[in-house]
């Protein structure tokens, strides 16, 4: 994939946090639990303002782990949908089914790199990190290990930071303008973070990528200093479900 390559935003979704009350995602838990999520997003064909923190009309429930300048836009490839429709038994997943803002066509994790700069209409965005799925994805679809499946398959999607604000819209092209780190595909970054956890040299090299989100760089640097990877149990499994 070289500069000038284009992909397409085939669907754009926004949504604000909602308070939910639901049961657990397994037969062993029937208790009703309250939780807050911005996973419920609605598709729109309108032109939407993309600011440095998020799209107009969009928000995050957990601002400690989601949102911020490095996670302004959640992106997920439409190409993954057929896999999940079969794997989780839902034959017609709606766009935004993984909580993403941009559902794209034409690029996958192995095609795009940390630091890639894309133009979308008036706006300019940059890939900051792979998405790290959390337990709310599992609770939304009532599939206990869905976040684990997403992480293990590498079908995670990624985040954009916003370099230049502007209006964006479904149907617009993503045009690759710069690729400063061709060695660090999103797929490769996922491998280092989640699979090659004993490879401290790879962690050190990825942490040195200045286009990588500050959160990921911090985690990787801590790994190189301590030799230990982070405990992902709470993120993936959440509270008792």
C-alpha atoms as a PDB file:
ATOM      1  CA  UNK A   1       0.000   0.000   0.000  1.00  0.00           C
ATOM      2  CA  UNK A   2       1.625   3.256  -1.122  1.00  0.00           C
ATOM      3  CA  UNK A   3       0.826   6.944  -0.800  1.00  0.00           C
ATOM      4  CA  UNK A   4      -2.189   7.895  -2.838  1.00  0.00           C
ATOM      5  CA  UNK A   5      -3.948   4.621  -2.039  1.00  0.00           C
ATOM      6  CA  UNK A   6      -7.604   5.140  -1.238  1.00  0.00           C
ATOM      7  CA  UNK A   7     -10.133   3.365   0.946  1.00  0.00           C
ATOM      8  CA  UNK A   8     -13.708   4.378   1.650  1.00  0.00           C
ATOM      9  CA  UNK A   9     -15.780   5.200   4.698  1.00  0.00           C
ATOM     10  CA  UNK A  10     -18.847   3.145   3.827  1.00  0.00           C
ATOM     11  CA  UNK A  11     -20.674   3.992   7.055  1.00  0.00           C
ATOM     12  CA  UNK A  12     -20.242   6.613   9.786  1.00  0.00           C
ATOM     13  CA  UNK A  13     -21.648   6.184  13.296  1.00  0.00           C
ATOM     14  CA  UNK A  14     -21.931   8.432  16.345  1.00  0.00           C
ATOM     15  CA  UNK A  15     -23.514   7.985  19.745  1.00  0.00           C
ATOM     16  CA  UNK A  16     -23.431   9.316  23.303  1.00  0.00           C
ATOM     17  CA  UNK A  17     -23.087   7.256  26.506  1.00  0.00           C
ATOM     18  CA  UNK A  18     -26.165   5.488  27.821  1.00  0.00           C
ATOM     19  CA  UNK A  19     -26.866   3.888  31.183  1.00  0.00           C
ATOM     20  CA  UNK A  20     -27.953   0.291  30.738  1.00  0.00           C
ATOM     21  CA  UNK A  21     -29.358  -2.398  33.011  1.00  0.00           C
ATOM     22  CA  UNK A  22     -28.916  -5.942  31.819  1.00  0.00           C
ATOM     23  CA  UNK A  23     -28.152  -9.463  32.948  1.00  0.00           C
ATOM     24  CA  UNK A  24     -24.839 -11.213  32.579  1.00  0.00           C
ATOM     25  CA  UNK A  25     -23.627 -12.757  29.374  1.00  0.00           C
ATOM     26  CA  UNK A  26     -23.549 -16.330  30.637  1.00  0.00           C
ATOM     27  CA  UNK A  27     -26.175 -18.729  31.913  1.00  0.00           C
ATOM     28  CA  UNK A  28     -24.458 -18.736  35.298  1.00  0.00           C
ATOM     29  CA  UNK A  29     -25.234 -15.067  35.942  1.00  0.00           C
ATOM     30  CA  UNK A  30     -28.786 -13.874  35.951  1.00  0.00           C
ATOM     31  CA  UNK A  31     -28.285 -10.780  38.090  1.00  0.00           C
ATOM     32  CA  UNK A  32     -29.208  -7.365  36.740  1.00  0.00           C
ATOM     33  CA  UNK A  33     -26.253  -4.987  36.515  1.00  0.00           C
ATOM     34  CA  UNK A  34     -26.040  -1.318  35.663  1.00  0.00           C
ATOM     35  CA  UNK A  35     -23.363  -0.195  33.243  1.00  0.00           C
ATOM     36  CA  UNK A  36     -22.650   2.803  31.047  1.00  0.00           C
ATOM     37  CA  UNK A  37     -21.566   2.553  27.426  1.00  0.00           C
ATOM     38  CA  UNK A  38     -21.332   4.582  24.227  1.00  0.00           C
ATOM     39  CA  UNK A  39     -21.391   1.388  22.187  1.00  0.00           C
ATOM     40  CA  UNK A  40     -24.878   2.132  20.888  1.00  0.00           C
ATOM     41  CA  UNK A  41     -24.053   4.220  17.833  1.00  0.00           C
ATOM     42  CA  UNK A  42     -26.302   5.200  14.951  1.00  0.00           C
ATOM     43  CA  UNK A  43     -25.318   5.527  11.306  1.00  0.00           C
ATOM     44  CA  UNK A  44     -25.683   8.907   9.667  1.00  0.00           C
ATOM     45  CA  UNK A  45     -25.281  10.168   6.125  1.00  0.00           C
ATOM     46  CA  UNK A  46     -24.910  13.772   7.268  1.00  0.00           C
ATOM     47  CA  UNK A  47     -21.682  15.746   7.121  1.00  0.00           C
ATOM     48  CA  UNK A  48     -20.232  15.609  10.649  1.00  0.00           C
ATOM     49  CA  UNK A  49     -17.609  17.843  12.232  1.00  0.00           C
ATOM     50  CA  UNK A  50     -14.485  15.942  13.274  1.00  0.00           C
ATOM     51  CA  UNK A  51     -12.668  17.697  16.100  1.00  0.00           C
ATOM     52  CA  UNK A  52      -9.457  16.785  17.883  1.00  0.00           C
ATOM     53  CA  UNK A  53     -11.294  14.774  20.550  1.00  0.00           C
ATOM     54  CA  UNK A  54     -14.181  13.179  18.651  1.00  0.00           C
ATOM     55  CA  UNK A  55     -16.917  13.513  16.091  1.00  0.00           C
ATOM     56  CA  UNK A  56     -19.781  15.893  16.837  1.00  0.00           C
ATOM     57  CA  UNK A  57     -22.513  13.910  18.578  1.00  0.00           C
ATOM     58  CA  UNK A  58     -20.132  11.188  19.719  1.00  0.00           C
ATOM     59  CA  UNK A  59     -18.779  10.444  23.172  1.00  0.00           C
ATOM     60  CA  UNK A  60     -17.161   7.870  25.426  1.00  0.00           C
ATOM     61  CA  UNK A  61     -18.400   6.449  28.712  1.00  0.00           C
ATOM     62  CA  UNK A  62     -14.989   5.562  30.169  1.00  0.00           C
ATOM     63  CA  UNK A  63     -12.734   8.544  29.562  1.00  0.00           C
ATOM     64  CA  UNK A  64      -9.835   6.901  31.404  1.00  0.00           C
ATOM     65  CA  UNK A  65      -9.532   4.144  28.807  1.00  0.00           C
ATOM     66  CA  UNK A  66     -11.320   5.564  25.765  1.00  0.00           C
ATOM     67  CA  UNK A  67     -11.329   8.834  23.897  1.00  0.00           C
ATOM     68  CA  UNK A  68      -8.749  11.591  24.083  1.00  0.00           C
ATOM     69  CA  UNK A  69      -6.513  12.991  21.383  1.00  0.00           C
ATOM     70  CA  UNK A  70      -5.030   9.597  20.500  1.00  0.00           C
ATOM     71  CA  UNK A  71      -8.428   7.914  20.219  1.00  0.00           C
ATOM     72  CA  UNK A  72     -10.627  10.462  18.505  1.00  0.00           C
ATOM     73  CA  UNK A  73     -12.035   8.022  15.919  1.00  0.00           C
ATOM     74  CA  UNK A  74     -12.596   4.267  16.199  1.00  0.00           C
ATOM     75  CA  UNK A  75     -12.157   2.532  12.827  1.00  0.00           C
ATOM     76  CA  UNK A  76     -13.205  -0.992  11.824  1.00  0.00           C
ATOM     77  CA  UNK A  77     -12.944  -2.738   8.430  1.00  0.00           C
ATOM     78  CA  UNK A  78     -16.145  -3.942   6.794  1.00  0.00           C
ATOM     79  CA  UNK A  79     -14.147  -6.899   5.462  1.00  0.00           C
ATOM     80  CA  UNK A  80     -14.209  -8.473   8.948  1.00  0.00           C
ATOM     81  CA  UNK A  81     -17.988  -8.558   9.173  1.00  0.00           C
ATOM     82  CA  UNK A  82     -18.549 -11.862   7.276  1.00  0.00           C
ATOM     83  CA  UNK A  83     -16.085 -13.604   9.602  1.00  0.00           C
ATOM     84  CA  UNK A  84     -17.873 -12.400  12.709  1.00  0.00           C
ATOM     85  CA  UNK A  85     -21.325 -13.048  11.287  1.00  0.00           C
ATOM     86  CA  UNK A  86     -20.347 -16.707  11.052  1.00  0.00           C
ATOM     87  CA  UNK A  87     -18.232 -16.877  14.212  1.00  0.00           C
ATOM     88  CA  UNK A  88     -20.799 -15.335  16.571  1.00  0.00           C
ATOM     89  CA  UNK A  89     -23.887 -16.540  14.746  1.00  0.00           C
ATOM     90  CA  UNK A  90     -25.352 -13.195  13.744  1.00  0.00           C
ATOM     91  CA  UNK A  91     -26.049 -13.336  10.003  1.00  0.00           C
ATOM     92  CA  UNK A  92     -26.700  -9.633   9.485  1.00  0.00           C
ATOM     93  CA  UNK A  93     -24.526  -7.423  11.686  1.00  0.00           C
ATOM     94  CA  UNK A  94     -25.430  -3.745  11.381  1.00  0.00           C
ATOM     95  CA  UNK A  95     -22.767  -1.185  10.505  1.00  0.00           C
ATOM     96  CA  UNK A  96     -21.255   0.018  13.759  1.00  0.00           C
ATOM     97  CA  UNK A  97     -21.653  -3.475  15.178  1.00  0.00           C
ATOM     98  CA  UNK A  98     -18.239  -3.223  16.803  1.00  0.00           C
ATOM     99  CA  UNK A  99     -18.831   0.228  18.218  1.00  0.00           C
ATOM    100  CA  UNK A 100     -16.788   1.898  15.498  1.00  0.00           C
ATOM    101  CA  UNK A 101     -17.219   5.427  14.174  1.00  0.00           C
ATOM    102  CA  UNK A 102     -15.881   4.669  10.686  1.00  0.00           C
ATOM    103  CA  UNK A 103     -16.700   1.400   8.954  1.00  0.00           C
ATOM    104  CA  UNK A 104     -14.185   1.223   6.112  1.00  0.00           C
ATOM    105  CA  UNK A 105     -13.698  -0.723   2.908  1.00  0.00           C
ATOM    106  CA  UNK A 106     -10.312  -1.251   1.297  1.00  0.00           C
ATOM    107  CA  UNK A 107      -7.773  -1.447   4.148  1.00  0.00           C
ATOM    108  CA  UNK A 108      -6.977  -4.042   6.814  1.00  0.00           C
ATOM    109  CA  UNK A 109      -4.664  -4.192   9.831  1.00  0.00           C
ATOM    110  CA  UNK A 110      -1.881  -5.715   7.736  1.00  0.00           C
ATOM    111  CA  UNK A 111      -2.169  -2.927   5.158  1.00  0.00           C
ATOM    112  CA  UNK A 112      -1.990   0.191   7.347  1.00  0.00           C
ATOM    113  CA  UNK A 113       0.726   1.385   9.705  1.00  0.00           C
ATOM    114  CA  UNK A 114       1.132   3.320  12.905  1.00  0.00           C
ATOM    115  CA  UNK A 115       1.699   6.927  11.868  1.00  0.00           C
ATOM    116  CA  UNK A 116      -0.079   6.667   8.519  1.00  0.00           C
ATOM    117  CA  UNK A 117      -1.602  10.027   7.616  1.00  0.00           C
ATOM    118  CA  UNK A 118      -4.881  10.071   5.686  1.00  0.00           C
ATOM    119  CA  UNK A 119      -6.896  12.894   4.207  1.00  0.00           C
ATOM    120  CA  UNK A 120     -10.692  12.646   4.543  1.00  0.00           C
ATOM    121  CA  UNK A 121     -12.353  15.567   2.834  1.00  0.00           C
ATOM    122  CA  UNK A 122     -11.392  18.614   4.890  1.00  0.00           C
ATOM    123  CA  UNK A 123      -9.857  16.621   7.728  1.00  0.00           C
ATOM    124  CA  UNK A 124      -6.463  14.989   8.177  1.00  0.00           C
ATOM    125  CA  UNK A 125      -6.054  12.006  10.510  1.00  0.00           C
ATOM    126  CA  UNK A 126      -3.255   9.702  11.648  1.00  0.00           C
ATOM    127  CA  UNK A 127      -3.255   6.109  12.917  1.00  0.00           C
ATOM    128  CA  UNK A 128      -2.225   6.163  16.579  1.00  0.00           C
ATOM    129  CA  UNK A 129      -2.679   2.569  17.789  1.00  0.00           C
ATOM    130  CA  UNK A 130      -4.650  -0.638  17.302  1.00  0.00           C
ATOM    131  CA  UNK A 131      -7.944  -0.838  19.111  1.00  0.00           C
ATOM    132  CA  UNK A 132      -7.845  -2.821  22.342  1.00  0.00           C
ATOM    133  CA  UNK A 133     -11.291  -4.436  22.724  1.00  0.00           C
ATOM    134  CA  UNK A 134     -12.922  -4.360  26.138  1.00  0.00           C
ATOM    135  CA  UNK A 135     -15.580  -6.303  28.008  1.00  0.00           C
ATOM    136  CA  UNK A 136     -18.395  -3.962  26.926  1.00  0.00           C
ATOM    137  CA  UNK A 137     -18.190  -5.422  23.420  1.00  0.00           C
ATOM    138  CA  UNK A 138     -18.850  -8.842  24.945  1.00  0.00           C
ATOM    139  CA  UNK A 139     -21.688  -7.596  27.099  1.00  0.00           C
ATOM    140  CA  UNK A 140     -23.314  -5.773  24.193  1.00  0.00           C
ATOM    141  CA  UNK A 141     -23.498  -8.974  22.123  1.00  0.00           C
ATOM    142  CA  UNK A 142     -23.879 -11.249  25.201  1.00  0.00           C
ATOM    143  CA  UNK A 143     -20.888 -13.357  24.171  1.00  0.00           C
ATOM    144  CA  UNK A 144     -18.565 -13.738  27.150  1.00  0.00           C
ATOM    145  CA  UNK A 145     -15.275 -14.148  25.303  1.00  0.00           C
ATOM    146  CA  UNK A 146     -15.912 -11.881  22.319  1.00  0.00           C
ATOM    147  CA  UNK A 147     -13.332  -9.263  23.340  1.00  0.00           C
ATOM    148  CA  UNK A 148     -10.774 -12.048  23.737  1.00  0.00           C
ATOM    149  CA  UNK A 149     -11.665 -13.410  20.297  1.00  0.00           C
ATOM    150  CA  UNK A 150     -11.256  -9.992  18.681  1.00  0.00           C
ATOM    151  CA  UNK A 151      -7.846  -9.522  20.281  1.00  0.00           C
ATOM    152  CA  UNK A 152      -6.585 -13.023  19.491  1.00  0.00           C
ATOM    153  CA  UNK A 153      -7.661 -12.908  15.842  1.00  0.00           C
ATOM    154  CA  UNK A 154      -6.041  -9.518  15.308  1.00  0.00           C
ATOM    155  CA  UNK A 155      -9.291  -8.224  13.796  1.00  0.00           C
ATOM    156  CA  UNK A 156      -9.172  -5.228  16.103  1.00  0.00           C
ATOM    157  CA  UNK A 157      -9.433  -2.149  13.922  1.00  0.00           C
ATOM    158  CA  UNK A 158      -7.512   0.953  15.003  1.00  0.00           C
ATOM    159  CA  UNK A 159      -7.771   4.542  16.176  1.00  0.00           C
ATOM    160  CA  UNK A 160      -7.192   7.845  14.430  1.00  0.00           C
ATOM    161  CA  UNK A 161      -5.906  11.013  16.032  1.00  0.00           C
ATOM    162  CA  UNK A 162      -6.931  14.228  14.282  1.00  0.00           C
ATOM    163  CA  UNK A 163      -4.198  16.398  12.806  1.00  0.00           C
ATOM    164  CA  UNK A 164      -6.572  18.796  11.058  1.00  0.00           C
ATOM    165  CA  UNK A 165     -10.217  19.265  11.965  1.00  0.00           C
ATOM    166  CA  UNK A 166     -12.938  19.348   9.350  1.00  0.00           C
ATOM    167  CA  UNK A 167     -16.205  17.895   8.113  1.00  0.00           C
ATOM    168  CA  UNK A 168     -16.348  14.207   7.201  1.00  0.00           C
ATOM    169  CA  UNK A 169     -19.099  12.062   5.737  1.00  0.00           C
ATOM    170  CA  UNK A 170     -19.936   8.484   4.819  1.00  0.00           C
ATOM    171  CA  UNK A 171     -18.947   7.780   1.236  1.00  0.00           C
ATOM    172  CA  UNK A 172     -15.792   9.889   1.466  1.00  0.00           C
ATOM    173  CA  UNK A 173     -12.417   8.427   0.565  1.00  0.00           C
ATOM    174  CA  UNK A 174      -9.495   7.948   2.898  1.00  0.00           C
ATOM    175  CA  UNK A 175      -6.407   8.939   0.917  1.00  0.00           C
ATOM    176  CA  UNK A 176      -3.001   7.877   2.235  1.00  0.00           C
ATOM    177  CA  UNK A 177      -0.677  10.907   2.270  1.00  0.00           C
ATOM    178  CA  UNK A 178       2.279   9.878   4.448  1.00  0.00           C
ATOM    179  CA  UNK A 179       3.787   6.658   5.780  1.00  0.00           C
ATOM    180  CA  UNK A 180       6.633   7.409   8.197  1.00  0.00           C
ATOM    181  CA  UNK A 181       6.754   3.937   9.813  1.00  0.00           C
ATOM    182  CA  UNK A 182       6.207   1.258   7.133  1.00  0.00           C
ATOM    183  CA  UNK A 183       7.696  -1.403   9.426  1.00  0.00           C
ATOM    184  CA  UNK A 184       4.928  -0.986  12.002  1.00  0.00           C
ATOM    185  CA  UNK A 185       1.693  -2.221  10.528  1.00  0.00           C
ATOM    186  CA  UNK A 186      -1.268  -2.299  12.881  1.00  0.00           C
ATOM    187  CA  UNK A 187      -1.061  -6.101  12.675  1.00  0.00           C
ATOM    188  CA  UNK A 188       2.612  -6.049  13.715  1.00  0.00           C
ATOM    189  CA  UNK A 189       1.866  -3.721  16.628  1.00  0.00           C
ATOM    190  CA  UNK A 190      -0.891  -6.077  17.767  1.00  0.00           C
ATOM    191  CA  UNK A 191       1.545  -8.991  17.624  1.00  0.00           C
ATOM    192  CA  UNK A 192       4.113  -7.216  19.786  1.00  0.00           C
ATOM    193  CA  UNK A 193       1.556  -6.101  22.357  1.00  0.00           C
ATOM    194  CA  UNK A 194      -0.489  -9.285  22.625  1.00  0.00           C
ATOM    195  CA  UNK A 195       1.440 -12.247  21.215  1.00  0.00           C
ATOM    196  CA  UNK A 196       5.198 -11.582  21.324  1.00  0.00           C
ATOM    197  CA  UNK A 197       5.118 -10.543  24.943  1.00  0.00           C
ATOM    198  CA  UNK A 198       8.542 -12.048  25.725  1.00  0.00           C
ATOM    199  CA  UNK A 199      10.219 -10.159  22.888  1.00  0.00           C
ATOM    200  CA  UNK A 200      11.508  -7.176  24.830  1.00  0.00           C
ATOM    201  CA  UNK A 201      13.600  -5.920  21.920  1.00  0.00           C
ATOM    202  CA  UNK A 202      10.484  -5.663  19.729  1.00  0.00           C
ATOM    203  CA  UNK A 203       8.677  -3.894  22.578  1.00  0.00           C
ATOM    204  CA  UNK A 204      11.560  -1.439  22.865  1.00  0.00           C
ATOM    205  CA  UNK A 205      11.545  -0.747  19.128  1.00  0.00           C
ATOM    206  CA  UNK A 206       7.786  -0.238  18.962  1.00  0.00           C
ATOM    207  CA  UNK A 207       7.886   2.062  22.002  1.00  0.00           C
ATOM    208  CA  UNK A 208      10.383   4.222  20.108  1.00  0.00           C
ATOM    209  CA  UNK A 209       7.795   4.921  17.373  1.00  0.00           C
ATOM    210  CA  UNK A 210       6.848   8.510  18.151  1.00  0.00           C
ATOM    211  CA  UNK A 211       3.558   8.254  16.224  1.00  0.00           C
ATOM    212  CA  UNK A 212       2.339   5.522  18.587  1.00  0.00           C
ATOM    213  CA  UNK A 213      -0.153   6.629  21.238  1.00  0.00           C
ATOM    214  CA  UNK A 214       1.343   7.743  24.544  1.00  0.00           C
ATOM    215  CA  UNK A 215      -0.616   5.020  26.371  1.00  0.00           C
ATOM    216  CA  UNK A 216       0.863   2.214  24.295  1.00  0.00           C
ATOM    217  CA  UNK A 217       4.376   3.656  24.507  1.00  0.00           C
ATOM    218  CA  UNK A 218       4.061   3.813  28.283  1.00  0.00           C
ATOM    219  CA  UNK A 219       2.884   0.196  28.507  1.00  0.00           C
ATOM    220  CA  UNK A 220       5.687  -1.059  26.282  1.00  0.00           C
ATOM    221  CA  UNK A 221       8.356   0.906  28.118  1.00  0.00           C
ATOM    222  CA  UNK A 222       7.124  -0.512  31.418  1.00  0.00           C
ATOM    223  CA  UNK A 223       7.371  -4.006  29.929  1.00  0.00           C
ATOM    224  CA  UNK A 224      10.973  -3.438  28.849  1.00  0.00           C
ATOM    225  CA  UNK A 225      11.890  -2.212  32.337  1.00  0.00           C
ATOM    226  CA  UNK A 226      10.112  -4.904  34.355  1.00  0.00           C
ATOM    227  CA  UNK A 227       9.910  -7.803  31.898  1.00  0.00           C
ATOM    228  CA  UNK A 228       6.230  -8.154  32.760  1.00  0.00           C
ATOM    229  CA  UNK A 229       3.254  -7.551  30.498  1.00  0.00           C
ATOM    230  CA  UNK A 230       0.112  -5.818  31.719  1.00  0.00           C
ATOM    231  CA  UNK A 231      -2.767  -7.726  33.286  1.00  0.00           C
ATOM    232  CA  UNK A 232      -5.546  -7.594  30.676  1.00  0.00           C
ATOM    233  CA  UNK A 233      -8.131  -9.550  32.659  1.00  0.00           C
ATOM    234  CA  UNK A 234     -10.172  -6.544  33.786  1.00  0.00           C
ATOM    235  CA  UNK A 235     -10.205  -4.968  30.330  1.00  0.00           C
ATOM    236  CA  UNK A 236     -11.207  -8.165  28.563  1.00  0.00           C
ATOM    237  CA  UNK A 237     -13.504  -9.692  31.173  1.00  0.00           C
ATOM    238  CA  UNK A 238     -14.751  -6.675  33.101  1.00  0.00           C
ATOM    239  CA  UNK A 239     -16.776  -6.960  36.289  1.00  0.00           C
ATOM    240  CA  UNK A 240     -18.625 -10.177  37.137  1.00  0.00           C
ATOM    241  CA  UNK A 241     -20.891 -10.897  34.177  1.00  0.00           C
END
